PDB file of all heavy atoms in Angstrom:
ATOM      1  N   THR A   1     -49.439-117.520 -41.129  1.00  0.00           N
ATOM      2  CA  THR A   1     -48.608-118.106 -42.197  1.00  0.00           C
ATOM      3  C   THR A   1     -47.344-117.233 -42.477  1.00  0.00           C
ATOM      4  O   THR A   1     -46.250-117.792 -42.549  1.00  0.00           O
ATOM      5  CB  THR A   1     -49.457-118.248 -43.471  1.00  0.00           C
ATOM      6  OG1 THR A   1     -50.511-119.172 -43.269  1.00  0.00           O
ATOM      7  CG2 THR A   1     -48.602-118.815 -44.621  1.00  0.00           C
ATOM      8  N   PRO A   2     -47.472-115.924 -42.627  1.00  0.00           N
ATOM      9  CA  PRO A   2     -46.287-115.118 -42.825  1.00  0.00           C
ATOM     10  C   PRO A   2     -45.251-115.282 -41.685  1.00  0.00           C
ATOM     11  O   PRO A   2     -44.047-115.323 -41.993  1.00  0.00           O
ATOM     12  CB  PRO A   2     -46.795-113.693 -42.881  1.00  0.00           C
ATOM     13  CG  PRO A   2     -48.263-113.817 -43.335  1.00  0.00           C
ATOM     14  CD  PRO A   2     -48.698-115.074 -42.761  1.00  0.00           C
ATOM     15  N   GLU A   3     -45.713-115.379 -40.458  1.00  0.00           N
ATOM     16  CA  GLU A   3     -44.792-115.594 -39.362  1.00  0.00           C
ATOM     17  C   GLU A   3     -44.030-116.921 -39.482  1.00  0.00           C
ATOM     18  O   GLU A   3     -42.853-116.969 -39.272  1.00  0.00           O
ATOM     19  CB  GLU A   3     -45.598-115.515 -38.002  1.00  0.00           C
ATOM     20  CG  GLU A   3     -44.653-115.775 -36.834  1.00  0.00           C
ATOM     21  CD  GLU A   3     -45.480-115.889 -35.515  1.00  0.00           C
ATOM     22  OE1 GLU A   3     -46.707-115.717 -35.498  1.00  0.00           O
ATOM     23  OE2 GLU A   3     -44.878-116.160 -34.470  1.00  0.00           O
ATOM     24  N   ILE A   4     -44.786-117.984 -39.727  1.00  0.00           N
ATOM     25  CA  ILE A   4     -44.137-119.280 -39.875  1.00  0.00           C
ATOM     26  C   ILE A   4     -43.225-119.309 -41.027  1.00  0.00           C
ATOM     27  O   ILE A   4     -42.051-119.803 -40.946  1.00  0.00           O
ATOM     28  CB  ILE A   4     -45.217-120.364 -40.009  1.00  0.00           C
ATOM     29  CG1 ILE A   4     -46.076-120.428 -38.695  1.00  0.00           C
ATOM     30  CG2 ILE A   4     -44.595-121.734 -40.260  1.00  0.00           C
ATOM     31  CD1 ILE A   4     -47.292-121.315 -38.780  1.00  0.00           C
ATOM     32  N   VAL A   5     -43.630-118.751 -42.187  1.00  0.00           N
ATOM     33  CA  VAL A   5     -42.728-118.766 -43.362  1.00  0.00           C
ATOM     34  C   VAL A   5     -41.454-117.986 -43.042  1.00  0.00           C
ATOM     35  O   VAL A   5     -40.408-118.451 -43.337  1.00  0.00           O
ATOM     36  CB  VAL A   5     -43.450-118.054 -44.545  1.00  0.00           C
ATOM     37  CG1 VAL A   5     -42.424-117.681 -45.658  1.00  0.00           C
ATOM     38  CG2 VAL A   5     -44.583-118.953 -45.059  1.00  0.00           C
ATOM     39  N   SER A   6     -41.600-116.879 -42.354  1.00  0.00           N
ATOM     40  CA  SER A   6     -40.371-116.000 -41.982  1.00  0.00           C
ATOM     41  C   SER A   6     -39.466-116.818 -41.123  1.00  0.00           C
ATOM     42  O   SER A   6     -38.232-116.785 -41.389  1.00  0.00           O
ATOM     43  CB  SER A   6     -40.830-114.793 -41.271  1.00  0.00           C
ATOM     44  OG  SER A   6     -39.746-113.976 -40.877  1.00  0.00           O
ATOM     45  N   ARG A   7     -39.952-117.531 -40.152  1.00  0.00           N
ATOM     46  CA  ARG A   7     -39.075-118.278 -39.255  1.00  0.00           C
ATOM     47  C   ARG A   7     -38.330-119.406 -39.969  1.00  0.00           C
ATOM     48  O   ARG A   7     -37.179-119.688 -39.736  1.00  0.00           O
ATOM     49  CB  ARG A   7     -39.890-118.816 -38.058  1.00  0.00           C
ATOM     50  CG  ARG A   7     -40.534-117.766 -37.230  1.00  0.00           C
ATOM     51  CD  ARG A   7     -41.269-118.404 -36.050  1.00  0.00           C
ATOM     52  NE  ARG A   7     -40.284-118.841 -35.062  1.00  0.00           N
ATOM     53  CZ  ARG A   7     -40.601-119.762 -34.146  1.00  0.00           C
ATOM     54  NH1 ARG A   7     -41.830-120.204 -34.044  1.00  0.00           N
ATOM     55  NH2 ARG A   7     -39.689-120.162 -33.256  1.00  0.00           N
ATOM     56  N   ILE A   8     -39.102-120.023 -40.861  1.00  0.00           N
ATOM     57  CA  ILE A   8     -38.487-121.184 -41.574  1.00  0.00           C
ATOM     58  C   ILE A   8     -37.449-120.689 -42.528  1.00  0.00           C
ATOM     59  O   ILE A   8     -36.301-121.230 -42.661  1.00  0.00           O
ATOM     60  CB  ILE A   8     -39.545-122.038 -42.317  1.00  0.00           C
ATOM     61  CG1 ILE A   8     -40.442-122.735 -41.353  1.00  0.00           C
ATOM     62  CG2 ILE A   8     -38.912-123.051 -43.306  1.00  0.00           C
ATOM     63  CD1 ILE A   8     -41.635-123.481 -41.970  1.00  0.00           C
ATOM     64  N   VAL A   9     -37.759-119.637 -43.282  1.00  0.00           N
ATOM     65  CA  VAL A   9     -36.810-119.049 -44.223  1.00  0.00           C
ATOM     66  C   VAL A   9     -35.525-118.546 -43.597  1.00  0.00           C
ATOM     67  O   VAL A   9     -34.437-118.889 -44.017  1.00  0.00           O
ATOM     68  CB  VAL A   9     -37.488-117.875 -45.016  1.00  0.00           C
ATOM     69  CG1 VAL A   9     -36.432-117.114 -45.842  1.00  0.00           C
ATOM     70  CG2 VAL A   9     -38.586-118.391 -45.926  1.00  0.00           C
ATOM     71  N   HIS A  10     -35.718-117.881 -42.464  1.00  0.00           N
ATOM     72  CA  HIS A  10     -34.544-117.363 -41.727  1.00  0.00           C
ATOM     73  C   HIS A  10     -33.701-118.517 -41.243  1.00  0.00           C
ATOM     74  O   HIS A  10     -32.417-118.454 -41.420  1.00  0.00           O
ATOM     75  CB  HIS A  10     -35.004-116.551 -40.543  1.00  0.00           C
ATOM     76  CG  HIS A  10     -33.902-116.138 -39.619  1.00  0.00           C
ATOM     77  ND1 HIS A  10     -33.030-115.056 -39.892  1.00  0.00           N
ATOM     78  CD2 HIS A  10     -33.491-116.668 -38.441  1.00  0.00           C
ATOM     79  CE1 HIS A  10     -32.186-114.936 -38.945  1.00  0.00           C
ATOM     80  NE2 HIS A  10     -32.392-115.894 -38.053  1.00  0.00           N
ATOM     81  N   THR A  11     -34.289-119.588 -40.750  1.00  0.00           N
ATOM     82  CA  THR A  11     -33.538-120.667 -40.216  1.00  0.00           C
ATOM     83  C   THR A  11     -32.852-121.509 -41.298  1.00  0.00           C
ATOM     84  O   THR A  11     -31.684-121.874 -41.141  1.00  0.00           O
ATOM     85  CB  THR A  11     -34.501-121.628 -39.411  1.00  0.00           C
ATOM     86  OG1 THR A  11     -35.220-120.876 -38.435  1.00  0.00           O
ATOM     87  CG2 THR A  11     -33.686-122.712 -38.731  1.00  0.00           C
ATOM     88  N   ILE A  12     -33.522-121.701 -42.430  1.00  0.00           N
ATOM     89  CA  ILE A  12     -32.883-122.434 -43.559  1.00  0.00           C
ATOM     90  C   ILE A  12     -31.726-121.671 -44.094  1.00  0.00           C
ATOM     91  O   ILE A  12     -30.619-122.210 -44.342  1.00  0.00           O
ATOM     92  CB  ILE A  12     -33.890-122.691 -44.631  1.00  0.00           C
ATOM     93  CG1 ILE A  12     -35.028-123.573 -44.147  1.00  0.00           C
ATOM     94  CG2 ILE A  12     -33.224-123.311 -45.901  1.00  0.00           C
ATOM     95  CD1 ILE A  12     -34.657-125.015 -43.861  1.00  0.00           C
ATOM     96  N   LYS A  13     -31.904-120.285 -44.308  1.00  0.00           N
ATOM     97  CA  LYS A  13     -30.797-119.533 -44.810  1.00  0.00           C
ATOM     98  C   LYS A  13     -29.644-119.551 -43.925  1.00  0.00           C
ATOM     99  O   LYS A  13     -28.439-119.596 -44.255  1.00  0.00           O
ATOM    100  CB  LYS A  13     -31.300-118.106 -45.082  1.00  0.00           C
ATOM    101  CG  LYS A  13     -32.215-117.889 -46.262  1.00  0.00           C
ATOM    102  CD  LYS A  13     -32.590-116.492 -46.519  1.00  0.00           C
ATOM    103  CE  LYS A  13     -33.430-116.304 -47.806  1.00  0.00           C
ATOM    104  NZ  LYS A  13     -33.836-114.900 -47.995  1.00  0.00           N
ATOM    105  N   ALA A  14     -29.907-119.418 -42.600  1.00  0.00           N
ATOM    106  CA  ALA A  14     -28.757-119.394 -41.648  1.00  0.00           C
ATOM    107  C   ALA A  14     -28.066-120.697 -41.668  1.00  0.00           C
ATOM    108  O   ALA A  14     -26.817-120.775 -41.518  1.00  0.00           O
ATOM    109  CB  ALA A  14     -29.380-119.073 -40.237  1.00  0.00           C
ATOM    110  N   SER A  15     -28.821-121.777 -41.834  1.00  0.00           N
ATOM    111  CA  SER A  15     -28.220-123.120 -41.891  1.00  0.00           C
ATOM    112  C   SER A  15     -27.291-123.294 -43.056  1.00  0.00           C
ATOM    113  O   SER A  15     -26.209-123.797 -42.960  1.00  0.00           O
ATOM    114  CB  SER A  15     -29.333-124.227 -41.959  1.00  0.00           C
ATOM    115  OG  SER A  15     -28.789-125.484 -42.117  1.00  0.00           O
ATOM    116  N   VAL A  16     -27.733-122.830 -44.237  1.00  0.00           N
ATOM    117  CA  VAL A  16     -26.980-122.931 -45.425  1.00  0.00           C
ATOM    118  C   VAL A  16     -25.687-122.019 -45.312  1.00  0.00           C
ATOM    119  O   VAL A  16     -24.616-122.401 -45.680  1.00  0.00           O
ATOM    120  CB  VAL A  16     -27.737-122.539 -46.636  1.00  0.00           C
ATOM    121  CG1 VAL A  16     -26.865-122.492 -47.943  1.00  0.00           C
ATOM    122  CG2 VAL A  16     -28.895-123.590 -46.836  1.00  0.00           C
ATOM    123  N   ASP A  17     -25.855-120.860 -44.699  1.00  0.00           N
ATOM    124  CA  ASP A  17     -24.696-119.927 -44.512  1.00  0.00           C
ATOM    125  C   ASP A  17     -23.650-120.548 -43.653  1.00  0.00           C
ATOM    126  O   ASP A  17     -22.489-120.314 -43.847  1.00  0.00           O
ATOM    127  CB  ASP A  17     -25.256-118.598 -43.937  1.00  0.00           C
ATOM    128  CG  ASP A  17     -25.987-117.777 -44.938  1.00  0.00           C
ATOM    129  OD1 ASP A  17     -25.927-118.045 -46.146  1.00  0.00           O
ATOM    130  OD2 ASP A  17     -26.724-116.925 -44.467  1.00  0.00           O
ATOM    131  N   ARG A  18     -24.093-121.275 -42.664  1.00  0.00           N
ATOM    132  CA  ARG A  18     -23.049-121.932 -41.733  1.00  0.00           C
ATOM    133  C   ARG A  18     -22.354-123.068 -42.431  1.00  0.00           C
ATOM    134  O   ARG A  18     -21.329-123.534 -41.927  1.00  0.00           O
ATOM    135  CB  ARG A  18     -23.757-122.441 -40.429  1.00  0.00           C
ATOM    136  CG  ARG A  18     -24.161-121.267 -39.580  1.00  0.00           C
ATOM    137  CD  ARG A  18     -24.491-121.745 -38.145  1.00  0.00           C
ATOM    138  NE  ARG A  18     -25.593-122.685 -38.148  1.00  0.00           N
ATOM    139  CZ  ARG A  18     -26.900-122.411 -38.004  1.00  0.00           C
ATOM    140  NH1 ARG A  18     -27.159-121.052 -37.872  1.00  0.00           N
ATOM    141  NH2 ARG A  18     -27.850-123.266 -37.987  1.00  0.00           N
ATOM    142  N   GLY A  19     -22.986-123.625 -43.501  1.00  0.00           N
ATOM    143  CA  GLY A  19     -22.342-124.681 -44.280  1.00  0.00           C
ATOM    144  C   GLY A  19     -22.145-125.982 -43.520  1.00  0.00           C
ATOM    145  O   GLY A  19     -23.088-126.489 -42.910  1.00  0.00           O
ATOM    146  N   ALA A  20     -20.958-126.470 -43.548  1.00  0.00           N
ATOM    147  CA  ALA A  20     -20.667-127.800 -43.036  1.00  0.00           C
ATOM    148  C   ALA A  20     -20.980-127.937 -41.535  1.00  0.00           C
ATOM    149  O   ALA A  20     -21.137-129.008 -41.050  1.00  0.00           O
ATOM    150  CB  ALA A  20     -19.203-128.130 -43.272  1.00  0.00           C
ATOM    151  N   GLU A  21     -21.093-126.798 -40.867  1.00  0.00           N
ATOM    152  CA  GLU A  21     -21.322-126.896 -39.410  1.00  0.00           C
ATOM    153  C   GLU A  21     -22.626-127.584 -39.106  1.00  0.00           C
ATOM    154  O   GLU A  21     -22.785-128.275 -38.113  1.00  0.00           O
ATOM    155  CB  GLU A  21     -21.379-125.455 -38.862  1.00  0.00           C
ATOM    156  CG  GLU A  21     -21.638-125.382 -37.357  1.00  0.00           C
ATOM    157  CD  GLU A  21     -21.801-124.014 -36.808  1.00  0.00           C
ATOM    158  OE1 GLU A  21     -21.213-123.069 -37.525  1.00  0.00           O
ATOM    159  OE2 GLU A  21     -22.436-123.790 -35.825  1.00  0.00           O
ATOM    160  N   THR A  22     -23.691-127.466 -39.969  1.00  0.00           N
ATOM    161  CA  THR A  22     -24.972-128.020 -39.751  1.00  0.00           C
ATOM    162  C   THR A  22     -25.310-129.195 -40.609  1.00  0.00           C
ATOM    163  O   THR A  22     -26.357-129.728 -40.588  1.00  0.00           O
ATOM    164  CB  THR A  22     -26.094-126.922 -39.971  1.00  0.00           C
ATOM    165  OG1 THR A  22     -25.946-126.479 -41.278  1.00  0.00           O
ATOM    166  CG2 THR A  22     -25.906-125.832 -38.978  1.00  0.00           C
ATOM    167  N   VAL A  23     -24.319-129.648 -41.443  1.00  0.00           N
ATOM    168  CA  VAL A  23     -24.597-130.754 -42.309  1.00  0.00           C
ATOM    169  C   VAL A  23     -24.565-132.042 -41.527  1.00  0.00           C
ATOM    170  O   VAL A  23     -23.756-132.241 -40.625  1.00  0.00           O
ATOM    171  CB  VAL A  23     -23.527-130.848 -43.435  1.00  0.00           C
ATOM    172  CG1 VAL A  23     -23.630-132.150 -44.237  1.00  0.00           C
ATOM    173  CG2 VAL A  23     -23.683-129.593 -44.365  1.00  0.00           C
ATOM    174  N   GLN A  24     -25.580-132.941 -41.805  1.00  0.00           N
ATOM    175  CA  GLN A  24     -25.658-134.153 -41.024  1.00  0.00           C
ATOM    176  C   GLN A  24     -24.426-135.078 -41.309  1.00  0.00           C
ATOM    177  O   GLN A  24     -23.950-135.173 -42.383  1.00  0.00           O
ATOM    178  CB  GLN A  24     -26.931-134.948 -41.321  1.00  0.00           C
ATOM    179  CG  GLN A  24     -27.485-134.845 -42.709  1.00  0.00           C
ATOM    180  CD  GLN A  24     -27.942-133.476 -43.095  1.00  0.00           C
ATOM    181  OE1 GLN A  24     -28.672-132.819 -42.337  1.00  0.00           O
ATOM    182  NE2 GLN A  24     -27.536-133.063 -44.214  1.00  0.00           N
TER     183      GLN A  24
END
């Protein structure tokens, strides 16, 4: 669970940081 949480959190934060680049 900690590994999966870490991967999801990292990916979501990176997505938000990139902003419009990853917006659908």
